[in-house]
N, C-alpha and C. Protein backbone atom coordinates (compact mmCIF):
# COMPACT_ATOMS: atom_id res chain seq x y z
N UNK A 1 -21.17 -3.62 3.63
CA UNK A 1 -19.89 -3.82 2.97
C UNK A 1 -19.52 -2.55 2.22
N UNK A 2 -18.34 -2.03 2.50
CA UNK A 2 -17.87 -0.80 1.84
C UNK A 2 -17.00 -1.20 0.65
N UNK A 3 -17.36 -0.75 -0.54
CA UNK A 3 -16.62 -1.06 -1.76
C UNK A 3 -15.68 0.09 -2.12
N UNK A 4 -14.40 -0.26 -2.32
CA UNK A 4 -13.40 0.68 -2.80
C UNK A 4 -13.03 0.22 -4.20
N UNK A 5 -13.27 1.05 -5.19
CA UNK A 5 -13.05 0.64 -6.57
C UNK A 5 -12.17 1.63 -7.30
N UNK A 6 -11.13 1.10 -7.97
CA UNK A 6 -10.26 1.92 -8.80
C UNK A 6 -9.45 2.96 -8.04
N UNK A 7 -9.20 2.73 -6.77
CA UNK A 7 -8.46 3.71 -5.96
C UNK A 7 -6.99 3.32 -5.85
N UNK A 8 -6.16 4.32 -5.58
CA UNK A 8 -4.75 4.10 -5.28
C UNK A 8 -4.50 4.55 -3.85
N UNK A 9 -3.86 3.68 -3.09
CA UNK A 9 -3.52 3.97 -1.70
C UNK A 9 -2.00 4.07 -1.60
N UNK A 10 -1.48 5.24 -1.22
CA UNK A 10 -0.04 5.47 -1.13
C UNK A 10 0.41 5.59 0.32
N UNK A 11 1.41 4.79 0.68
CA UNK A 11 2.09 4.87 1.97
C UNK A 11 1.12 4.91 3.16
N UNK A 12 0.07 4.15 3.08
CA UNK A 12 -0.89 4.10 4.18
C UNK A 12 -0.35 3.13 5.24
N UNK A 13 -0.45 3.52 6.50
CA UNK A 13 0.02 2.69 7.61
C UNK A 13 -1.17 1.93 8.21
N UNK A 14 -1.19 0.62 7.96
CA UNK A 14 -2.25 -0.24 8.51
C UNK A 14 -1.71 -1.14 9.63
N UNK A 15 -0.56 -0.83 10.19
CA UNK A 15 0.09 -1.69 11.19
C UNK A 15 -0.88 -1.97 12.35
N UNK A 16 -1.03 -3.25 12.65
CA UNK A 16 -1.87 -3.73 13.76
C UNK A 16 -3.34 -3.31 13.64
N UNK A 17 -3.82 -3.04 12.45
CA UNK A 17 -5.21 -2.62 12.29
C UNK A 17 -6.04 -3.75 11.69
N UNK A 18 -7.33 -3.68 11.91
CA UNK A 18 -8.25 -4.65 11.34
C UNK A 18 -9.24 -3.93 10.43
N UNK A 19 -9.33 -4.40 9.22
CA UNK A 19 -10.32 -3.86 8.30
C UNK A 19 -11.58 -4.71 8.39
N UNK A 20 -12.73 -4.09 8.47
CA UNK A 20 -13.99 -4.81 8.61
C UNK A 20 -14.93 -4.36 7.50
N UNK A 21 -15.62 -5.34 6.89
CA UNK A 21 -16.64 -5.07 5.87
C UNK A 21 -16.13 -4.20 4.73
N UNK A 22 -14.99 -4.58 4.15
CA UNK A 22 -14.44 -3.85 3.02
C UNK A 22 -14.21 -4.79 1.86
N UNK A 23 -14.35 -4.24 0.65
CA UNK A 23 -13.99 -4.95 -0.56
C UNK A 23 -13.23 -3.98 -1.44
N UNK A 24 -12.12 -4.46 -2.01
CA UNK A 24 -11.27 -3.63 -2.85
C UNK A 24 -11.24 -4.23 -4.25
N UNK A 25 -11.61 -3.46 -5.25
CA UNK A 25 -11.63 -3.92 -6.63
C UNK A 25 -10.84 -2.95 -7.50
N UNK A 26 -9.91 -3.51 -8.29
CA UNK A 26 -9.08 -2.70 -9.18
C UNK A 26 -8.35 -1.59 -8.44
N UNK A 27 -7.84 -1.90 -7.26
CA UNK A 27 -7.10 -0.92 -6.46
C UNK A 27 -5.61 -1.20 -6.52
N UNK A 28 -4.83 -0.16 -6.29
CA UNK A 28 -3.38 -0.27 -6.23
C UNK A 28 -2.93 0.23 -4.87
N UNK A 29 -2.10 -0.55 -4.21
CA UNK A 29 -1.54 -0.19 -2.90
C UNK A 29 -0.04 0.00 -3.10
N UNK A 30 0.48 1.19 -2.81
CA UNK A 30 1.89 1.50 -3.03
C UNK A 30 2.55 1.83 -1.70
N UNK A 31 3.59 1.06 -1.36
CA UNK A 31 4.39 1.26 -0.15
C UNK A 31 3.54 1.37 1.11
N UNK A 32 2.54 0.52 1.21
CA UNK A 32 1.70 0.48 2.41
C UNK A 32 2.27 -0.52 3.40
N UNK A 33 2.06 -0.26 4.67
CA UNK A 33 2.55 -1.15 5.72
C UNK A 33 1.38 -1.90 6.34
N UNK A 34 1.34 -3.22 6.07
CA UNK A 34 0.28 -4.08 6.58
C UNK A 34 0.79 -5.02 7.67
N UNK A 35 1.89 -4.66 8.32
CA UNK A 35 2.49 -5.51 9.35
C UNK A 35 1.46 -5.80 10.45
N UNK A 36 1.24 -7.07 10.71
CA UNK A 36 0.33 -7.56 11.75
C UNK A 36 -1.10 -7.05 11.57
N UNK A 37 -1.46 -6.66 10.35
CA UNK A 37 -2.84 -6.25 10.08
C UNK A 37 -3.73 -7.47 9.99
N UNK A 38 -5.01 -7.27 10.23
CA UNK A 38 -5.98 -8.36 10.13
C UNK A 38 -6.93 -8.05 8.98
N UNK A 39 -6.79 -8.81 7.90
CA UNK A 39 -7.64 -8.66 6.72
C UNK A 39 -8.61 -9.82 6.60
N UNK A 40 -9.01 -10.42 7.69
CA UNK A 40 -9.94 -11.54 7.67
C UNK A 40 -11.25 -11.12 7.01
N UNK A 41 -11.74 -11.99 6.14
CA UNK A 41 -13.02 -11.81 5.45
C UNK A 41 -13.07 -10.59 4.53
N UNK A 42 -11.92 -10.04 4.15
CA UNK A 42 -11.87 -8.91 3.21
C UNK A 42 -11.61 -9.46 1.81
N UNK A 43 -12.29 -8.91 0.81
CA UNK A 43 -12.07 -9.34 -0.57
C UNK A 43 -11.22 -8.33 -1.32
N UNK A 44 -10.21 -8.85 -2.02
CA UNK A 44 -9.38 -8.07 -2.92
C UNK A 44 -9.53 -8.69 -4.31
N UNK A 45 -9.98 -7.90 -5.27
CA UNK A 45 -10.22 -8.40 -6.63
C UNK A 45 -9.45 -7.52 -7.61
N UNK A 46 -8.63 -8.15 -8.45
CA UNK A 46 -7.87 -7.42 -9.48
C UNK A 46 -7.07 -6.26 -8.88
N UNK A 47 -6.37 -6.54 -7.78
CA UNK A 47 -5.58 -5.49 -7.10
C UNK A 47 -4.09 -5.75 -7.27
N UNK A 48 -3.32 -4.69 -7.07
CA UNK A 48 -1.87 -4.76 -7.16
C UNK A 48 -1.27 -4.13 -5.91
N UNK A 49 -0.30 -4.83 -5.35
CA UNK A 49 0.43 -4.34 -4.17
C UNK A 49 1.88 -4.11 -4.60
N UNK A 50 2.37 -2.90 -4.45
CA UNK A 50 3.73 -2.56 -4.89
C UNK A 50 4.52 -2.03 -3.70
N UNK A 51 5.62 -2.70 -3.37
CA UNK A 51 6.50 -2.24 -2.30
C UNK A 51 5.86 -2.25 -0.92
N UNK A 52 4.93 -3.16 -0.70
CA UNK A 52 4.21 -3.21 0.59
C UNK A 52 4.84 -4.21 1.55
N UNK A 53 4.59 -4.01 2.84
CA UNK A 53 5.07 -4.89 3.89
C UNK A 53 3.91 -5.72 4.42
N UNK A 54 4.04 -7.04 4.29
CA UNK A 54 3.04 -7.98 4.78
C UNK A 54 3.64 -8.89 5.85
N UNK A 55 4.32 -8.37 6.82
CA UNK A 55 4.90 -9.19 7.87
C UNK A 55 3.81 -9.60 8.86
N UNK A 56 3.58 -10.89 8.96
CA UNK A 56 2.61 -11.48 9.89
C UNK A 56 1.18 -10.97 9.69
N UNK A 57 0.84 -10.62 8.47
CA UNK A 57 -0.52 -10.18 8.14
C UNK A 57 -1.47 -11.37 8.20
N UNK A 58 -2.66 -11.16 8.76
CA UNK A 58 -3.65 -12.22 8.89
C UNK A 58 -4.63 -12.13 7.73
N UNK A 59 -4.79 -13.24 7.01
CA UNK A 59 -5.66 -13.27 5.84
C UNK A 59 -6.74 -14.35 5.95
N UNK A 60 -7.22 -14.61 7.15
CA UNK A 60 -8.21 -15.67 7.36
C UNK A 60 -9.49 -15.37 6.58
N UNK A 61 -9.84 -16.28 5.69
CA UNK A 61 -11.02 -16.16 4.82
C UNK A 61 -10.98 -14.94 3.90
N UNK A 62 -9.82 -14.34 3.72
CA UNK A 62 -9.70 -13.22 2.79
C UNK A 62 -9.79 -13.76 1.37
N UNK A 63 -10.39 -12.97 0.50
CA UNK A 63 -10.45 -13.33 -0.91
C UNK A 63 -9.33 -12.63 -1.66
N UNK A 64 -8.47 -13.42 -2.30
CA UNK A 64 -7.40 -12.87 -3.13
C UNK A 64 -7.64 -13.36 -4.55
N UNK A 65 -8.25 -12.52 -5.36
CA UNK A 65 -8.67 -12.91 -6.70
C UNK A 65 -7.94 -12.05 -7.72
N UNK A 66 -7.00 -12.67 -8.41
CA UNK A 66 -6.18 -11.98 -9.41
C UNK A 66 -5.39 -10.84 -8.78
N UNK A 67 -4.52 -11.22 -7.85
CA UNK A 67 -3.72 -10.26 -7.09
C UNK A 67 -2.26 -10.36 -7.52
N UNK A 68 -1.62 -9.22 -7.75
CA UNK A 68 -0.21 -9.18 -8.13
C UNK A 68 0.58 -8.44 -7.04
N UNK A 69 1.53 -9.16 -6.46
CA UNK A 69 2.44 -8.58 -5.47
C UNK A 69 3.75 -8.26 -6.19
N UNK A 70 4.20 -7.00 -6.11
CA UNK A 70 5.45 -6.58 -6.73
C UNK A 70 6.34 -5.94 -5.68
N UNK A 71 7.56 -6.42 -5.58
CA UNK A 71 8.55 -5.82 -4.69
C UNK A 71 8.03 -5.72 -3.25
N UNK A 72 7.31 -6.75 -2.82
CA UNK A 72 6.73 -6.75 -1.47
C UNK A 72 7.55 -7.64 -0.53
N UNK A 73 7.52 -7.28 0.74
CA UNK A 73 8.10 -8.10 1.80
C UNK A 73 6.93 -8.85 2.44
N UNK A 74 6.93 -10.19 2.28
CA UNK A 74 5.83 -11.01 2.78
C UNK A 74 6.45 -12.07 3.69
N UNK A 75 6.29 -11.90 4.99
CA UNK A 75 6.96 -12.78 5.95
C UNK A 75 5.94 -13.38 6.91
N UNK A 76 5.94 -14.71 7.01
CA UNK A 76 5.09 -15.39 7.99
C UNK A 76 3.60 -15.31 7.70
N UNK A 77 3.23 -15.19 6.44
CA UNK A 77 1.82 -15.06 6.08
C UNK A 77 1.24 -16.43 5.73
N UNK A 78 0.07 -16.73 6.28
CA UNK A 78 -0.60 -18.01 6.04
C UNK A 78 -1.64 -17.84 4.93
N UNK A 79 -1.21 -18.03 3.69
CA UNK A 79 -2.12 -17.94 2.55
C UNK A 79 -3.09 -19.11 2.52
N UNK A 80 -2.78 -20.19 3.21
CA UNK A 80 -3.69 -21.34 3.22
C UNK A 80 -5.01 -21.01 3.92
N UNK A 81 -5.02 -19.95 4.72
CA UNK A 81 -6.24 -19.53 5.41
C UNK A 81 -7.16 -18.68 4.53
N UNK A 82 -6.68 -18.31 3.34
CA UNK A 82 -7.48 -17.50 2.42
C UNK A 82 -8.64 -18.31 1.84
N UNK A 83 -9.64 -17.59 1.40
CA UNK A 83 -10.77 -18.20 0.72
C UNK A 83 -10.25 -18.87 -0.56
N UNK A 84 -10.68 -20.11 -0.80
CA UNK A 84 -10.24 -20.85 -1.98
C UNK A 84 -10.88 -20.35 -3.27
N UNK A 85 -12.06 -19.75 -3.18
CA UNK A 85 -12.82 -19.36 -4.37
C UNK A 85 -12.05 -18.33 -5.20
N UNK A 86 -11.68 -18.71 -6.42
CA UNK A 86 -10.96 -17.88 -7.37
C UNK A 86 -9.61 -17.36 -6.86
N UNK A 87 -8.99 -18.07 -5.91
CA UNK A 87 -7.69 -17.69 -5.36
C UNK A 87 -6.66 -17.66 -6.50
N UNK A 88 -6.17 -16.46 -6.82
CA UNK A 88 -5.18 -16.30 -7.88
C UNK A 88 -4.21 -15.20 -7.48
N UNK A 89 -2.93 -15.55 -7.40
CA UNK A 89 -1.90 -14.59 -7.01
C UNK A 89 -0.68 -14.75 -7.92
N UNK A 90 0.12 -13.71 -8.00
CA UNK A 90 1.43 -13.81 -8.62
C UNK A 90 2.38 -12.89 -7.88
N UNK A 91 3.67 -13.25 -7.94
CA UNK A 91 4.68 -12.55 -7.16
C UNK A 91 5.85 -12.16 -8.06
N UNK A 92 6.25 -10.89 -8.03
CA UNK A 92 7.38 -10.41 -8.81
C UNK A 92 8.30 -9.61 -7.89
N UNK A 93 9.58 -9.98 -7.87
CA UNK A 93 10.60 -9.27 -7.08
C UNK A 93 10.24 -9.20 -5.60
N UNK A 94 9.67 -10.26 -5.07
CA UNK A 94 9.23 -10.28 -3.67
C UNK A 94 10.15 -11.10 -2.78
N UNK A 95 10.15 -10.75 -1.51
CA UNK A 95 10.73 -11.61 -0.48
C UNK A 95 9.54 -12.28 0.18
N UNK A 96 9.44 -13.59 0.01
CA UNK A 96 8.28 -14.35 0.46
C UNK A 96 8.80 -15.44 1.40
N UNK A 97 9.08 -15.08 2.64
CA UNK A 97 9.72 -15.99 3.59
C UNK A 97 8.73 -16.51 4.63
N UNK A 98 8.88 -17.79 4.96
CA UNK A 98 8.12 -18.45 6.02
C UNK A 98 6.61 -18.38 5.79
N UNK A 99 6.20 -18.28 4.55
CA UNK A 99 4.76 -18.27 4.22
C UNK A 99 4.28 -19.70 4.04
N UNK A 100 2.98 -19.90 4.11
CA UNK A 100 2.42 -21.22 3.83
C UNK A 100 1.25 -21.10 2.87
N UNK A 101 1.24 -22.06 1.94
CA UNK A 101 0.16 -22.17 0.96
C UNK A 101 -0.47 -23.56 1.05
N UNK A 102 -0.32 -24.21 2.17
CA UNK A 102 -0.75 -25.60 2.34
C UNK A 102 -2.13 -25.85 1.72
N UNK A 103 -2.21 -26.85 0.85
CA UNK A 103 -3.45 -27.34 0.23
C UNK A 103 -4.12 -26.37 -0.72
N UNK A 104 -3.45 -25.32 -1.17
CA UNK A 104 -4.06 -24.38 -2.11
C UNK A 104 -3.96 -24.92 -3.54
N UNK A 105 -4.86 -24.50 -4.37
CA UNK A 105 -4.76 -24.75 -5.80
C UNK A 105 -4.14 -23.51 -6.42
N UNK A 106 -2.95 -23.69 -7.00
CA UNK A 106 -2.20 -22.55 -7.53
C UNK A 106 -1.71 -22.86 -8.95
N UNK A 107 -2.56 -23.47 -9.75
CA UNK A 107 -2.21 -23.77 -11.13
C UNK A 107 -1.82 -22.48 -11.85
N UNK A 108 -0.78 -22.58 -12.66
CA UNK A 108 -0.32 -21.47 -13.50
C UNK A 108 0.19 -20.25 -12.72
N UNK A 109 0.43 -20.37 -11.44
CA UNK A 109 0.96 -19.24 -10.66
C UNK A 109 2.38 -18.93 -11.10
N UNK A 110 2.70 -17.64 -11.18
CA UNK A 110 4.03 -17.22 -11.62
C UNK A 110 4.74 -16.51 -10.46
N UNK A 111 5.94 -17.00 -10.17
CA UNK A 111 6.84 -16.39 -9.20
C UNK A 111 8.05 -15.92 -9.99
N UNK A 112 8.38 -14.62 -9.95
CA UNK A 112 9.48 -14.09 -10.75
C UNK A 112 10.45 -13.32 -9.87
N UNK A 113 11.74 -13.64 -10.02
CA UNK A 113 12.82 -12.92 -9.32
C UNK A 113 12.52 -12.76 -7.83
N UNK A 114 12.05 -13.82 -7.20
CA UNK A 114 11.65 -13.73 -5.80
C UNK A 114 12.44 -14.71 -4.94
N UNK A 115 12.52 -14.37 -3.66
CA UNK A 115 13.16 -15.25 -2.67
C UNK A 115 12.03 -15.89 -1.87
N UNK A 116 11.99 -17.22 -1.89
CA UNK A 116 10.96 -17.98 -1.18
C UNK A 116 11.67 -18.88 -0.17
N UNK A 117 12.03 -18.31 0.97
CA UNK A 117 12.78 -19.07 1.97
C UNK A 117 11.82 -19.75 2.94
N UNK A 118 11.95 -21.06 3.04
CA UNK A 118 11.16 -21.89 3.97
C UNK A 118 9.65 -21.71 3.78
N UNK A 119 9.24 -21.59 2.54
CA UNK A 119 7.81 -21.52 2.21
C UNK A 119 7.26 -22.94 2.20
N UNK A 120 6.03 -23.12 2.66
CA UNK A 120 5.39 -24.43 2.71
C UNK A 120 4.40 -24.59 1.56
N UNK A 121 4.77 -25.44 0.60
CA UNK A 121 3.88 -25.78 -0.52
C UNK A 121 3.37 -27.22 -0.38
N UNK A 122 3.22 -27.71 0.83
CA UNK A 122 2.72 -29.07 1.05
C UNK A 122 1.31 -29.21 0.50
N UNK A 123 1.11 -30.28 -0.27
CA UNK A 123 -0.20 -30.62 -0.82
C UNK A 123 -0.80 -29.53 -1.69
N UNK A 124 0.06 -28.72 -2.32
CA UNK A 124 -0.39 -27.63 -3.18
C UNK A 124 -0.37 -28.09 -4.64
N UNK A 125 -1.39 -27.70 -5.38
CA UNK A 125 -1.42 -27.97 -6.80
C UNK A 125 -0.73 -26.81 -7.52
N UNK A 126 0.50 -27.04 -7.96
CA UNK A 126 1.29 -26.05 -8.67
C UNK A 126 1.49 -26.45 -10.14
N UNK A 127 0.51 -27.16 -10.68
CA UNK A 127 0.60 -27.59 -12.06
C UNK A 127 0.79 -26.38 -12.97
N UNK A 128 1.80 -26.45 -13.83
CA UNK A 128 2.16 -25.41 -14.79
C UNK A 128 2.57 -24.09 -14.13
N UNK A 129 2.92 -24.12 -12.85
CA UNK A 129 3.45 -22.92 -12.20
C UNK A 129 4.84 -22.63 -12.75
N UNK A 130 5.24 -21.37 -12.68
CA UNK A 130 6.55 -20.97 -13.15
C UNK A 130 7.31 -20.32 -12.00
N UNK A 131 8.48 -20.87 -11.71
CA UNK A 131 9.39 -20.29 -10.71
C UNK A 131 10.55 -19.72 -11.51
N UNK A 132 10.43 -18.47 -11.91
CA UNK A 132 11.38 -17.82 -12.79
C UNK A 132 12.44 -17.08 -11.98
N UNK A 133 13.66 -17.62 -11.97
CA UNK A 133 14.77 -16.98 -11.29
C UNK A 133 14.49 -16.77 -9.80
N UNK A 134 14.04 -17.84 -9.13
CA UNK A 134 13.71 -17.77 -7.71
C UNK A 134 14.70 -18.56 -6.86
N UNK A 135 14.87 -18.11 -5.63
CA UNK A 135 15.67 -18.83 -4.64
C UNK A 135 14.70 -19.55 -3.72
N UNK A 136 14.75 -20.89 -3.72
CA UNK A 136 13.80 -21.71 -2.97
C UNK A 136 14.46 -22.41 -1.79
N UNK A 137 15.33 -21.72 -1.09
CA UNK A 137 16.07 -22.30 0.04
C UNK A 137 15.12 -22.83 1.11
N UNK A 138 15.24 -24.11 1.41
CA UNK A 138 14.49 -24.83 2.44
C UNK A 138 12.96 -24.75 2.26
N UNK A 139 12.54 -24.47 1.03
CA UNK A 139 11.11 -24.47 0.73
C UNK A 139 10.62 -25.92 0.68
N UNK A 140 9.43 -26.15 1.20
CA UNK A 140 8.89 -27.50 1.33
C UNK A 140 7.92 -27.81 0.20
N UNK A 141 8.22 -28.89 -0.53
CA UNK A 141 7.30 -29.46 -1.50
C UNK A 141 7.03 -30.88 -1.02
N UNK A 142 5.84 -31.16 -0.55
CA UNK A 142 5.52 -32.49 -0.04
C UNK A 142 4.09 -32.85 -0.47
N UNK A 143 3.97 -33.93 -1.23
CA UNK A 143 2.68 -34.37 -1.78
C UNK A 143 2.06 -33.27 -2.64
N UNK A 144 2.93 -32.54 -3.33
CA UNK A 144 2.51 -31.44 -4.20
C UNK A 144 2.41 -31.91 -5.64
N UNK A 145 1.55 -31.26 -6.40
CA UNK A 145 1.42 -31.53 -7.83
C UNK A 145 2.26 -30.50 -8.56
N UNK A 146 3.35 -30.95 -9.16
CA UNK A 146 4.28 -30.06 -9.84
C UNK A 146 4.35 -30.37 -11.34
N UNK A 147 3.36 -31.09 -11.86
CA UNK A 147 3.34 -31.46 -13.28
C UNK A 147 3.45 -30.21 -14.15
N UNK A 148 4.37 -30.26 -15.10
CA UNK A 148 4.60 -29.19 -16.08
C UNK A 148 5.01 -27.86 -15.45
N UNK A 149 5.38 -27.86 -14.18
CA UNK A 149 5.91 -26.64 -13.56
C UNK A 149 7.31 -26.39 -14.10
N UNK A 150 7.77 -25.15 -14.04
CA UNK A 150 9.07 -24.79 -14.58
C UNK A 150 9.98 -24.25 -13.47
N UNK A 151 11.02 -25.04 -13.19
CA UNK A 151 12.03 -24.67 -12.20
C UNK A 151 13.38 -24.41 -12.89
N UNK A 152 13.38 -24.26 -14.19
CA UNK A 152 14.63 -24.27 -14.96
C UNK A 152 15.59 -23.12 -14.62
N UNK A 153 15.09 -22.02 -14.09
CA UNK A 153 15.98 -20.89 -13.77
C UNK A 153 16.08 -20.65 -12.28
N UNK A 154 15.53 -21.56 -11.48
CA UNK A 154 15.54 -21.37 -10.02
C UNK A 154 16.62 -22.19 -9.36
N UNK A 155 16.95 -21.80 -8.12
CA UNK A 155 18.05 -22.46 -7.40
C UNK A 155 17.61 -22.84 -5.99
N UNK A 156 18.39 -23.72 -5.40
CA UNK A 156 18.28 -24.12 -3.99
C UNK A 156 16.98 -24.84 -3.66
N UNK A 157 16.35 -25.47 -4.64
CA UNK A 157 15.15 -26.25 -4.32
C UNK A 157 15.55 -27.67 -3.95
N UNK A 158 14.70 -28.30 -3.17
CA UNK A 158 14.89 -29.69 -2.75
C UNK A 158 13.54 -30.38 -2.91
N UNK A 159 13.40 -31.14 -3.99
CA UNK A 159 12.13 -31.78 -4.31
C UNK A 159 12.33 -33.29 -4.35
N UNK A 160 11.60 -34.00 -3.52
CA UNK A 160 11.68 -35.46 -3.49
C UNK A 160 10.72 -36.00 -4.55
N UNK A 161 11.24 -36.61 -5.64
CA UNK A 161 10.37 -37.12 -6.70
C UNK A 161 9.45 -38.25 -6.23
N UNK A 162 9.78 -38.88 -5.12
CA UNK A 162 8.94 -39.96 -4.61
C UNK A 162 7.76 -39.44 -3.81
N UNK A 163 7.79 -38.18 -3.40
CA UNK A 163 6.72 -37.61 -2.57
C UNK A 163 5.94 -36.50 -3.27
N UNK A 164 6.27 -36.25 -4.55
CA UNK A 164 5.62 -35.20 -5.32
C UNK A 164 5.37 -35.69 -6.74
N UNK A 165 4.35 -35.17 -7.37
CA UNK A 165 4.11 -35.47 -8.79
C UNK A 165 4.92 -34.50 -9.62
N UNK A 166 5.78 -35.04 -10.50
CA UNK A 166 6.66 -34.18 -11.29
C UNK A 166 6.64 -34.56 -12.78
N UNK A 167 5.53 -34.98 -13.29
CA UNK A 167 5.43 -35.37 -14.70
C UNK A 167 5.62 -34.15 -15.60
N UNK A 168 6.60 -34.26 -16.51
CA UNK A 168 6.94 -33.20 -17.46
C UNK A 168 7.32 -31.87 -16.79
N UNK A 169 7.78 -31.94 -15.54
CA UNK A 169 8.29 -30.75 -14.86
C UNK A 169 9.62 -30.37 -15.48
N UNK A 170 9.88 -29.07 -15.61
CA UNK A 170 11.07 -28.59 -16.30
C UNK A 170 12.14 -28.18 -15.28
N UNK A 171 13.34 -28.76 -15.47
CA UNK A 171 14.50 -28.44 -14.64
C UNK A 171 15.69 -28.19 -15.56
N UNK A 172 16.62 -27.37 -15.14
CA UNK A 172 17.88 -27.25 -15.88
C UNK A 172 18.77 -28.41 -15.46
N UNK A 173 19.77 -28.70 -16.26
CA UNK A 173 20.69 -29.79 -15.89
C UNK A 173 21.42 -29.45 -14.59
N UNK A 174 21.70 -28.17 -14.34
CA UNK A 174 22.34 -27.75 -13.09
C UNK A 174 21.42 -27.93 -11.89
N UNK A 175 20.12 -27.89 -12.10
CA UNK A 175 19.16 -27.99 -11.01
C UNK A 175 18.80 -29.41 -10.63
N UNK A 176 19.29 -30.39 -11.39
CA UNK A 176 18.92 -31.78 -11.09
C UNK A 176 19.39 -32.22 -9.71
N UNK A 177 20.41 -31.58 -9.17
CA UNK A 177 20.88 -31.91 -7.83
C UNK A 177 19.76 -31.74 -6.81
N UNK A 178 18.85 -30.81 -7.04
CA UNK A 178 17.72 -30.59 -6.14
C UNK A 178 16.74 -31.75 -6.10
N UNK A 179 16.83 -32.65 -7.07
CA UNK A 179 15.99 -33.85 -7.08
C UNK A 179 16.68 -35.05 -6.43
N UNK A 180 17.98 -34.92 -6.19
CA UNK A 180 18.76 -36.05 -5.70
C UNK A 180 19.25 -35.89 -4.26
N UNK A 181 18.95 -34.78 -3.63
CA UNK A 181 19.52 -34.49 -2.31
C UNK A 181 19.16 -35.53 -1.26
N UNK A 182 18.01 -36.15 -1.37
CA UNK A 182 17.61 -37.14 -0.37
C UNK A 182 18.52 -38.37 -0.36
N UNK A 183 19.27 -38.56 -1.46
CA UNK A 183 20.15 -39.73 -1.56
C UNK A 183 21.54 -39.48 -1.01
N UNK A 184 21.83 -38.28 -0.56
CA UNK A 184 23.12 -37.93 0.04
C UNK A 184 24.29 -38.31 -0.88
N UNK A 185 24.17 -37.94 -2.16
CA UNK A 185 25.19 -38.24 -3.14
C UNK A 185 26.24 -37.15 -3.19
N UNK A 186 27.42 -37.50 -3.64
CA UNK A 186 28.47 -36.50 -3.90
C UNK A 186 28.56 -36.40 -5.42
N UNK A 187 28.23 -35.23 -5.96
CA UNK A 187 28.24 -35.04 -7.40
C UNK A 187 29.30 -34.02 -7.73
N UNK A 188 30.21 -34.42 -8.64
CA UNK A 188 31.31 -33.54 -9.04
C UNK A 188 31.11 -33.08 -10.47
N UNK A 189 31.63 -31.89 -10.76
CA UNK A 189 31.56 -31.36 -12.15
C UNK A 189 32.60 -32.02 -13.00
């Protein structure tokens, strides 16, 4: 296993490449292209990705422990395939489209100023998660734990209260429509 510690990687092209026997600790990746890369069984600990492309990146059994994605394009990534042990991520100013987190534990996860189009959060524990100023168009919440999560500044979510736990979940009065969409109501101002 090759350990990379405290390094910064700038504009590295990893397109269609597979990393084998690597671990990254306290590393920063800036404007790297990971499109269709295979990071199976690779560990990332306390790392930051800034302005990176993760289109169709494979993360099977990858360890993501305290990872911060900033201004990244993340499309079609299956985070549910990641190692569950210490799985901790946060997203700031990201485009996170068509990703899946099915069955992950994501307590206290923070999503800020991000677009999450058609993301799958089925059976995900998002207790106390914060969706700060996010667009959740066609994002799926099904049998998810959303207790004490904060959606107060987010838009375009559709959450069925009968299929999700929403105890003490925070919504703005304008966002309540996202809880009623299944009833096909007409709500006027």
